[in-house]
Amino acid sequence: MATQVTVKNGNLDLALRKFKQKVARDGVPSECKKREAYDKPGVRRRAAKKEGIKNSQKRNKNNKNNRD
């Protein structure tokens, strides 16, 4: 599952940018960060709950702005 990007007209900067975008879209950096250290199950649960609350607040804020 190798990610490939073609270099057009010798434009290496554009190819590198495209590569980084593809890798980020696949979730490789976040997966590496997640696997750097072991998280205890309780810590994982707390983080998931905290993220859920944050996302809920974002949704509520967006819904409130759309109603006005």
Protein backbone atom coordinates (compact mmCIF):
# COMPACT_ATOMS: atom_id res chain seq x y z
CA MET A 1 0.00 0.00 0.00
CA ALA A 2 2.66 2.48 -1.08
CA THR A 3 1.63 6.04 -1.82
CA GLN A 4 2.88 7.27 -5.17
CA VAL A 5 2.97 10.77 -6.59
CA THR A 6 4.16 11.69 -10.07
CA VAL A 7 6.60 14.56 -10.56
CA LYS A 8 5.47 16.71 -13.47
CA ASN A 9 7.91 19.02 -15.28
CA GLY A 10 10.53 18.53 -12.55
CA ASN A 11 8.34 20.31 -9.98
CA LEU A 12 9.45 18.49 -6.87
CA ASP A 13 7.89 20.99 -4.44
CA LEU A 14 4.40 20.40 -5.85
CA ALA A 15 4.91 16.63 -5.80
CA LEU A 16 6.06 16.75 -2.17
CA ARG A 17 3.02 18.84 -1.21
CA LYS A 18 0.69 16.36 -2.96
CA PHE A 19 2.43 13.46 -1.20
CA LYS A 20 2.03 15.08 2.22
CA GLN A 21 -1.65 15.73 1.53
CA LYS A 22 -2.25 12.10 0.51
CA VAL A 23 -0.43 10.77 3.57
CA ALA A 24 -2.35 13.11 5.89
CA ARG A 25 -5.65 12.13 4.28
CA ASP A 26 -4.85 8.45 4.90
CA GLY A 27 -4.33 9.22 8.59
CA VAL A 28 -0.73 8.05 8.83
CA PRO A 29 0.58 10.86 11.09
CA SER A 30 -2.28 10.54 13.57
CA GLU A 31 -1.90 6.76 13.61
CA CYS A 32 1.82 7.08 14.37
CA LYS A 33 1.13 9.56 17.14
CA LYS A 34 -1.49 7.26 18.61
CA ARG A 35 0.92 4.31 18.66
CA GLU A 36 3.88 6.20 20.19
CA ALA A 37 2.90 5.25 23.73
CA TYR A 38 0.44 2.95 25.43
CA ASP A 39 -2.70 4.58 26.78
CA LYS A 40 -4.55 2.85 29.57
CA PRO A 41 -8.20 2.02 28.78
CA GLY A 42 -9.48 4.59 31.28
CA VAL A 43 -7.38 7.32 29.70
CA ARG A 44 -8.70 6.36 26.25
CA ARG A 45 -12.28 6.50 27.52
CA ARG A 46 -11.78 9.92 29.09
CA ALA A 47 -10.20 11.28 25.90
CA ALA A 48 -13.04 9.90 23.77
CA LYS A 49 -15.65 11.39 26.12
CA LYS A 50 -13.86 14.75 26.11
CA GLU A 51 -13.69 14.76 22.31
CA GLY A 52 -17.36 13.84 22.08
CA ILE A 53 -18.29 16.75 24.32
CA LYS A 54 -16.14 19.09 22.24
CA ASN A 55 -17.75 17.91 18.99
CA SER A 56 -21.22 18.22 20.51
CA GLN A 57 -20.51 21.80 21.56
CA LYS A 58 -19.25 22.58 18.03
CA ARG A 59 -22.43 21.14 16.51
CA ASN A 60 -24.62 23.10 18.91
CA LYS A 61 -22.70 26.29 18.18
CA ASN A 62 -23.05 25.77 14.42
CA ASN A 63 -26.75 24.97 14.70
CA LYS A 64 -27.35 28.06 16.82
CA ASN A 65 -25.57 30.26 14.25
CA ASN A 66 -27.58 28.77 11.39
CA ARG A 67 -30.92 29.46 13.11
CA ASP A 68 -30.29 33.19 13.52
